[in-house]
Amino acid sequence: PVVQKAVDVLKAFDVNHEVHIISAHRTPE
């Protein structure tokens, strides 16, 4: 839900972006 706030802005400016779930602790590699 917090991520969505950033996505909404980037979509409004038509800027390419990607969203990923990556954990510093659970997926460090």
PDB file of all heavy atoms in Angstrom:
ATOM      1  N   PRO A   1       0.818  -1.221   0.000  1.00  0.00           N
ATOM      2  CA  PRO A   1       0.000   0.000   0.000  1.00  0.00           C
ATOM      3  C   PRO A   1       0.858   1.280   0.000  1.00  0.00           C
ATOM      4  O   PRO A   1       0.472   2.276  -0.607  1.00  0.00           O
ATOM      5  CB  PRO A   1      -0.828  -0.119   1.285  1.00  0.00           C
ATOM      6  CG  PRO A   1      -0.920  -1.594   1.517  1.00  0.00           C
ATOM      7  CD  PRO A   1       0.421  -2.141   1.080  1.00  0.00           C
ATOM      8  N   VAL A   2       2.008   1.251   0.645  1.00  0.00           N
ATOM      9  CA  VAL A   2       2.920   2.400   0.622  1.00  0.00           C
ATOM     10  C   VAL A   2       3.572   2.503  -0.750  1.00  0.00           C
ATOM     11  O   VAL A   2       3.686   3.593  -1.325  1.00  0.00           O
ATOM     12  CB  VAL A   2       3.978   2.290   1.745  1.00  0.00           C
ATOM     13  CG1 VAL A   2       4.983   3.433   1.665  1.00  0.00           C
ATOM     14  CG2 VAL A   2       3.302   2.259   3.112  1.00  0.00           C
ATOM     15  N   VAL A   3       3.987   1.374  -1.301  1.00  0.00           N
ATOM     16  CA  VAL A   3       4.588   1.329  -2.639  1.00  0.00           C
ATOM     17  C   VAL A   3       3.658   1.964  -3.665  1.00  0.00           C
ATOM     18  O   VAL A   3       4.091   2.708  -4.555  1.00  0.00           O
ATOM     19  CB  VAL A   3       4.919  -0.133  -3.040  1.00  0.00           C
ATOM     20  CG1 VAL A   3       5.291  -0.234  -4.506  1.00  0.00           C
ATOM     21  CG2 VAL A   3       6.018  -0.699  -2.147  1.00  0.00           C
ATOM     22  N   GLN A   4       2.363   1.688  -3.539  1.00  0.00           N
ATOM     23  CA  GLN A   4       1.391   2.174  -4.519  1.00  0.00           C
ATOM     24  C   GLN A   4       1.425   3.689  -4.653  1.00  0.00           C
ATOM     25  O   GLN A   4       1.205   4.237  -5.739  1.00  0.00           O
ATOM     26  CB  GLN A   4      -0.024   1.694  -4.154  1.00  0.00           C
ATOM     27  CG  GLN A   4      -1.050   1.961  -5.229  1.00  0.00           C
ATOM     28  CD  GLN A   4      -0.753   1.220  -6.524  1.00  0.00           C
ATOM     29  OE1 GLN A   4      -0.547   0.020  -6.527  1.00  0.00           O
ATOM     30  NE2 GLN A   4      -0.720   1.952  -7.636  1.00  0.00           N
ATOM     31  N   LYS A   5       1.720   4.398  -3.562  1.00  0.00           N
ATOM     32  CA  LYS A   5       1.785   5.859  -3.611  1.00  0.00           C
ATOM     33  C   LYS A   5       2.882   6.322  -4.570  1.00  0.00           C
ATOM     34  O   LYS A   5       2.701   7.306  -5.303  1.00  0.00           O
ATOM     35  CB  LYS A   5       2.015   6.423  -2.215  1.00  0.00           C
ATOM     36  CG  LYS A   5       0.876   6.149  -1.254  1.00  0.00           C
ATOM     37  CD  LYS A   5       1.238   6.593   0.143  1.00  0.00           C
ATOM     38  CE  LYS A   5       0.185   6.165   1.153  1.00  0.00           C
ATOM     39  NZ  LYS A   5       0.572   6.527   2.521  1.00  0.00           N
ATOM     40  N   ALA A   6       4.012   5.640  -4.575  1.00  0.00           N
ATOM     41  CA  ALA A   6       5.106   5.978  -5.496  1.00  0.00           C
ATOM     42  C   ALA A   6       4.737   5.593  -6.924  1.00  0.00           C
ATOM     43  O   ALA A   6       4.971   6.355  -7.865  1.00  0.00           O
ATOM     44  CB  ALA A   6       6.398   5.281  -5.072  1.00  0.00           C
ATOM     45  N   VAL A   7       4.149   4.425  -7.074  1.00  0.00           N
ATOM     46  CA  VAL A   7       3.747   3.955  -8.402  1.00  0.00           C
ATOM     47  C   VAL A   7       2.766   4.935  -9.044  1.00  0.00           C
ATOM     48  O   VAL A   7       2.884   5.265 -10.228  1.00  0.00           O
ATOM     49  CB  VAL A   7       3.149   2.530  -8.320  1.00  0.00           C
ATOM     50  CG1 VAL A   7       2.475   2.133  -9.623  1.00  0.00           C
ATOM     51  CG2 VAL A   7       4.227   1.529  -7.929  1.00  0.00           C
ATOM     52  N   ASP A   8       1.818   5.426  -8.272  1.00  0.00           N
ATOM     53  CA  ASP A   8       0.824   6.367  -8.804  1.00  0.00           C
ATOM     54  C   ASP A   8       1.492   7.622  -9.358  1.00  0.00           C
ATOM     55  O   ASP A   8       1.119   8.119 -10.427  1.00  0.00           O
ATOM     56  CB  ASP A   8      -0.199   6.744  -7.733  1.00  0.00           C
ATOM     57  CG  ASP A   8      -1.117   5.590  -7.353  1.00  0.00           C
ATOM     58  OD1 ASP A   8      -1.177   4.579  -8.096  1.00  0.00           O
ATOM     59  OD2 ASP A   8      -1.767   5.696  -6.290  1.00  0.00           O
ATOM     60  N   VAL A   9       2.486   8.134  -8.650  1.00  0.00           N
ATOM     61  CA  VAL A   9       3.200   9.331  -9.115  1.00  0.00           C
ATOM     62  C   VAL A   9       3.957   9.026 -10.404  1.00  0.00           C
ATOM     63  O   VAL A   9       3.893   9.781 -11.378  1.00  0.00           O
ATOM     64  CB  VAL A   9       4.164   9.858  -8.030  1.00  0.00           C
ATOM     65  CG1 VAL A   9       5.080  10.945  -8.588  1.00  0.00           C
ATOM     66  CG2 VAL A   9       3.377  10.374  -6.822  1.00  0.00           C
ATOM     67  N   LEU A  10       4.676   7.921 -10.433  1.00  0.00           N
ATOM     68  CA  LEU A  10       5.471   7.583 -11.616  1.00  0.00           C
ATOM     69  C   LEU A  10       4.589   7.342 -12.834  1.00  0.00           C
ATOM     70  O   LEU A  10       4.938   7.735 -13.947  1.00  0.00           O
ATOM     71  CB  LEU A  10       6.366   6.377 -11.330  1.00  0.00           C
ATOM     72  CG  LEU A  10       7.387   6.594 -10.204  1.00  0.00           C
ATOM     73  CD1 LEU A  10       8.205   5.331  -9.991  1.00  0.00           C
ATOM     74  CD2 LEU A  10       8.267   7.801 -10.462  1.00  0.00           C
ATOM     75  N   LYS A  11       3.429   6.720 -12.623  1.00  0.00           N
ATOM     76  CA  LYS A  11       2.483   6.532 -13.725  1.00  0.00           C
ATOM     77  C   LYS A  11       1.961   7.870 -14.233  1.00  0.00           C
ATOM     78  O   LYS A  11       1.814   8.063 -15.440  1.00  0.00           O
ATOM     79  CB  LYS A  11       1.318   5.631 -13.295  1.00  0.00           C
ATOM     80  CG  LYS A  11       1.670   4.164 -13.223  1.00  0.00           C
ATOM     81  CD  LYS A  11       0.463   3.335 -12.842  1.00  0.00           C
ATOM     82  CE  LYS A  11       0.776   1.852 -12.864  1.00  0.00           C
ATOM     83  NZ  LYS A  11      -0.402   1.032 -12.483  1.00  0.00           N
ATOM     84  N   ALA A  12       1.695   8.793 -13.326  1.00  0.00           N
ATOM     85  CA  ALA A  12       1.181  10.107 -13.725  1.00  0.00           C
ATOM     86  C   ALA A  12       2.190  10.850 -14.605  1.00  0.00           C
ATOM     87  O   ALA A  12       1.798  11.643 -15.466  1.00  0.00           O
ATOM     88  CB  ALA A  12       0.839  10.938 -12.489  1.00  0.00           C
ATOM     89  N   PHE A  13       3.469  10.597 -14.405  1.00  0.00           N
ATOM     90  CA  PHE A  13       4.518  11.229 -15.200  1.00  0.00           C
ATOM     91  C   PHE A  13       4.973  10.339 -16.353  1.00  0.00           C
ATOM     92  O   PHE A  13       5.903  10.691 -17.071  1.00  0.00           O
ATOM     93  CB  PHE A  13       5.708  11.602 -14.317  1.00  0.00           C
ATOM     94  CG  PHE A  13       5.479  12.864 -13.533  1.00  0.00           C
ATOM     95  CD1 PHE A  13       4.787  12.834 -12.333  1.00  0.00           C
ATOM     96  CD2 PHE A  13       5.949  14.074 -13.997  1.00  0.00           C
ATOM     97  CE1 PHE A  13       4.572  13.997 -11.604  1.00  0.00           C
ATOM     98  CE2 PHE A  13       5.746  15.239 -13.281  1.00  0.00           C
ATOM     99  CZ  PHE A  13       5.049  15.206 -12.078  1.00  0.00           C
ATOM    100  N   ASP A  14       4.345   9.180 -16.497  1.00  0.00           N
ATOM    101  CA  ASP A  14       4.648   8.247 -17.579  1.00  0.00           C
ATOM    102  C   ASP A  14       6.135   7.868 -17.606  1.00  0.00           C
ATOM    103  O   ASP A  14       6.782   7.885 -18.660  1.00  0.00           O
ATOM    104  CB  ASP A  14       4.211   8.835 -18.925  1.00  0.00           C
ATOM    105  CG  ASP A  14       4.129   7.786 -20.020  1.00  0.00           C
ATOM    106  OD1 ASP A  14       3.868   6.612 -19.692  1.00  0.00           O
ATOM    107  OD2 ASP A  14       4.340   8.138 -21.196  1.00  0.00           O
ATOM    108  N   VAL A  15       6.653   7.527 -16.429  1.00  0.00           N
ATOM    109  CA  VAL A  15       8.062   7.141 -16.299  1.00  0.00           C
ATOM    110  C   VAL A  15       8.145   5.633 -16.095  1.00  0.00           C
ATOM    111  O   VAL A  15       7.423   5.064 -15.263  1.00  0.00           O
ATOM    112  CB  VAL A  15       8.728   7.890 -15.125  1.00  0.00           C
ATOM    113  CG1 VAL A  15      10.100   7.340 -14.817  1.00  0.00           C
ATOM    114  CG2 VAL A  15       8.817   9.377 -15.458  1.00  0.00           C
ATOM    115  N   ASN A  16       9.028   5.007 -16.844  1.00  0.00           N
ATOM    116  CA  ASN A  16       9.223   3.561 -16.713  1.00  0.00           C
ATOM    117  C   ASN A  16       9.735   3.227 -15.317  1.00  0.00           C
ATOM    118  O   ASN A  16      10.631   3.902 -14.799  1.00  0.00           O
ATOM    119  CB  ASN A  16      10.214   3.048 -17.758  1.00  0.00           C
ATOM    120  CG  ASN A  16       9.620   3.021 -19.143  1.00  0.00           C
ATOM    121  OD1 ASN A  16       8.407   2.935 -19.317  1.00  0.00           O
ATOM    122  ND2 ASN A  16      10.481   3.096 -20.141  1.00  0.00           N
ATOM    123  N   HIS A  17       9.170   2.185 -14.763  1.00  0.00           N
ATOM    124  CA  HIS A  17       9.565   1.754 -13.427  1.00  0.00           C
ATOM    125  C   HIS A  17       9.280   0.266 -13.271  1.00  0.00           C
ATOM    126  O   HIS A  17       8.518  -0.313 -14.044  1.00  0.00           O
ATOM    127  CB  HIS A  17       8.806   2.550 -12.353  1.00  0.00           C
ATOM    128  CG  HIS A  17       7.328   2.389 -12.443  1.00  0.00           C
ATOM    129  ND1 HIS A  17       6.554   3.081 -13.357  1.00  0.00           N
ATOM    130  CD2 HIS A  17       6.468   1.589 -11.763  1.00  0.00           C
ATOM    131  CE1 HIS A  17       5.291   2.727 -13.222  1.00  0.00           C
ATOM    132  NE2 HIS A  17       5.209   1.815 -12.265  1.00  0.00           N
ATOM    133  N   GLU A  18       9.927  -0.306 -12.301  1.00  0.00           N
ATOM    134  CA  GLU A  18       9.676  -1.704 -11.920  1.00  0.00           C
ATOM    135  C   GLU A  18       9.519  -1.762 -10.417  1.00  0.00           C
ATOM    136  O   GLU A  18      10.145  -0.982  -9.692  1.00  0.00           O
ATOM    137  CB  GLU A  18      10.845  -2.602 -12.330  1.00  0.00           C
ATOM    138  CG  GLU A  18      11.008  -2.769 -13.819  1.00  0.00           C
ATOM    139  CD  GLU A  18      12.170  -3.688 -14.181  1.00  0.00           C
ATOM    140  OE1 GLU A  18      12.691  -4.410 -13.288  1.00  0.00           O
ATOM    141  OE2 GLU A  18      12.560  -3.682 -15.358  1.00  0.00           O
ATOM    142  N   VAL A  19       8.702  -2.703  -9.957  1.00  0.00           N
ATOM    143  CA  VAL A  19       8.500  -2.929  -8.529  1.00  0.00           C
ATOM    144  C   VAL A  19       8.921  -4.357  -8.218  1.00  0.00           C
ATOM    145  O   VAL A  19       8.535  -5.290  -8.933  1.00  0.00           O
ATOM    146  CB  VAL A  19       7.026  -2.712  -8.125  1.00  0.00           C
ATOM    147  CG1 VAL A  19       6.827  -3.001  -6.642  1.00  0.00           C
ATOM    148  CG2 VAL A  19       6.567  -1.298  -8.474  1.00  0.00           C
ATOM    149  N   HIS A  20       9.728  -4.505  -7.164  1.00  0.00           N
ATOM    150  CA  HIS A  20      10.207  -5.827  -6.758  1.00  0.00           C
ATOM    151  C   HIS A  20      10.107  -5.965  -5.240  1.00  0.00           C
ATOM    152  O   HIS A  20      10.273  -4.987  -4.511  1.00  0.00           O
ATOM    153  CB  HIS A  20      11.678  -6.022  -7.151  1.00  0.00           C
ATOM    154  CG  HIS A  20      11.910  -5.989  -8.623  1.00  0.00           C
ATOM    155  ND1 HIS A  20      11.803  -7.106  -9.406  1.00  0.00           N
ATOM    156  CD2 HIS A  20      12.234  -4.968  -9.457  1.00  0.00           C
ATOM    157  CE1 HIS A  20      12.062  -6.781 -10.663  1.00  0.00           C
ATOM    158  NE2 HIS A  20      12.315  -5.488 -10.724  1.00  0.00           N
ATOM    159  N   ILE A  21       9.839  -7.181  -4.787  1.00  0.00           N
ATOM    160  CA  ILE A  21       9.925  -7.507  -3.360  1.00  0.00           C
ATOM    161  C   ILE A  21      11.273  -8.190  -3.155  1.00  0.00           C
ATOM    162  O   ILE A  21      11.512  -9.282  -3.691  1.00  0.00           O
ATOM    163  CB  ILE A  21       8.766  -8.415  -2.904  1.00  0.00           C
ATOM    164  CG1 ILE A  21       7.427  -7.698  -3.087  1.00  0.00           C
ATOM    165  CG2 ILE A  21       8.971  -8.831  -1.440  1.00  0.00           C
ATOM    166  CD1 ILE A  21       6.210  -8.573  -2.802  1.00  0.00           C
ATOM    167  N   ILE A  22      12.141  -7.501  -2.415  1.00  0.00           N
ATOM    168  CA  ILE A  22      13.488  -8.006  -2.134  1.00  0.00           C
ATOM    169  C   ILE A  22      13.789  -7.655  -0.686  1.00  0.00           C
ATOM    170  O   ILE A  22      13.780  -6.477  -0.315  1.00  0.00           O
ATOM    171  CB  ILE A  22      14.547  -7.357  -3.054  1.00  0.00           C
ATOM    172  CG1 ILE A  22      14.210  -7.605  -4.527  1.00  0.00           C
ATOM    173  CG2 ILE A  22      15.937  -7.869  -2.709  1.00  0.00           C
ATOM    174  CD1 ILE A  22      15.089  -6.851  -5.501  1.00  0.00           C
ATOM    175  N   SER A  23      14.075  -8.630   0.114  1.00  0.00           N
ATOM    176  CA  SER A  23      14.338  -8.400   1.528  1.00  0.00           C
ATOM    177  C   SER A  23      15.834  -8.377   1.800  1.00  0.00           C
ATOM    178  O   SER A  23      16.566  -9.270   1.369  1.00  0.00           O
ATOM    179  CB  SER A  23      13.684  -9.517   2.356  1.00  0.00           C
ATOM    180  OG  SER A  23      14.106  -9.443   3.694  1.00  0.00           O
ATOM    181  N   ALA A  24      16.268  -7.349   2.524  1.00  0.00           N
ATOM    182  CA  ALA A  24      17.683  -7.270   2.910  1.00  0.00           C
ATOM    183  C   ALA A  24      18.074  -8.435   3.805  1.00  0.00           C
ATOM    184  O   ALA A  24      19.226  -8.877   3.778  1.00  0.00           O
ATOM    185  CB  ALA A  24      17.954  -5.952   3.634  1.00  0.00           C
ATOM    186  N   HIS A  25      17.126  -8.955   4.574  1.00  0.00           N
ATOM    187  CA  HIS A  25      17.423 -10.009   5.542  1.00  0.00           C
ATOM    188  C   HIS A  25      17.054 -11.407   5.063  1.00  0.00           C
ATOM    189  O   HIS A  25      17.761 -12.367   5.338  1.00  0.00           O
ATOM    190  CB  HIS A  25      16.695  -9.716   6.861  1.00  0.00           C
ATOM    191  CG  HIS A  25      17.063  -8.389   7.426  1.00  0.00           C
ATOM    192  ND1 HIS A  25      16.162  -7.356   7.487  1.00  0.00           N
ATOM    193  CD2 HIS A  25      18.227  -7.900   7.915  1.00  0.00           C
ATOM    194  CE1 HIS A  25      16.755  -6.295   8.010  1.00  0.00           C
ATOM    195  NE2 HIS A  25      18.004  -6.600   8.272  1.00  0.00           N
ATOM    196  N   ARG A  26      15.938 -11.522   4.350  1.00  0.00           N
ATOM    197  CA  ARG A  26      15.477 -12.852   3.926  1.00  0.00           C
ATOM    198  C   ARG A  26      15.976 -13.253   2.544  1.00  0.00           C
ATOM    199  O   ARG A  26      16.028 -14.445   2.230  1.00  0.00           O
ATOM    200  CB  ARG A  26      13.952 -12.903   3.987  1.00  0.00           C
ATOM    201  CG  ARG A  26      13.429 -12.782   5.419  1.00  0.00           C
ATOM    202  CD  ARG A  26      11.919 -12.774   5.459  1.00  0.00           C
ATOM    203  NE  ARG A  26      11.399 -11.561   4.850  1.00  0.00           N
ATOM    204  CZ  ARG A  26      10.759 -10.595   5.495  1.00  0.00           C
ATOM    205  NH1 ARG A  26      10.542 -10.697   6.776  1.00  0.00           N
ATOM    206  NH2 ARG A  26      10.320  -9.536   4.865  1.00  0.00           N
ATOM    207  N   THR A  27      16.336 -12.272   1.718  1.00  0.00           N
ATOM    208  CA  THR A  27      16.897 -12.565   0.392  1.00  0.00           C
ATOM    209  C   THR A  27      18.137 -11.692   0.149  1.00  0.00           C
ATOM    210  O   THR A  27      18.184 -10.907  -0.806  1.00  0.00           O
ATOM    211  CB  THR A  27      15.851 -12.339  -0.725  1.00  0.00           C
ATOM    212  OG1 THR A  27      15.425 -10.975  -0.693  1.00  0.00           O
ATOM    213  CG2 THR A  27      14.658 -13.264  -0.586  1.00  0.00           C
ATOM    214  N   PRO A  28      19.146 -11.811   0.985  1.00  0.00           N
ATOM    215  CA  PRO A  28      20.309 -10.922   0.865  1.00  0.00           C
ATOM    216  C   PRO A  28      21.062 -11.066  -0.457  1.00  0.00           C
ATOM    217  O   PRO A  28      21.561 -10.070  -0.988  1.00  0.00           O
ATOM    218  CB  PRO A  28      21.186 -11.295   2.055  1.00  0.00           C
ATOM    219  CG  PRO A  28      20.755 -12.674   2.439  1.00  0.00           C
ATOM    220  CD  PRO A  28      19.296 -12.752   2.096  1.00  0.00           C
ATOM    221  N   GLU A  29      21.151 -12.254  -0.996  1.00  0.00           N
ATOM    222  CA  GLU A  29      21.855 -12.437  -2.275  1.00  0.00           C
ATOM    223  C   GLU A  29      21.108 -11.746  -3.407  1.00  0.00           C
ATOM    224  O   GLU A  29      21.716 -11.125  -4.277  1.00  0.00           O
ATOM    225  CB  GLU A  29      22.047 -13.925  -2.594  1.00  0.00           C
ATOM    226  CG  GLU A  29      23.203 -14.560  -1.867  1.00  0.00           C
ATOM    227  CD  GLU A  29      24.540 -13.869  -2.172  1.00  0.00           C
ATOM    228  OE1 GLU A  29      24.868 -13.667  -3.364  1.00  0.00           O
ATOM    229  OE2 GLU A  29      25.235 -13.516  -1.202  1.00  0.00           O
TER     230      GLU A  29
END
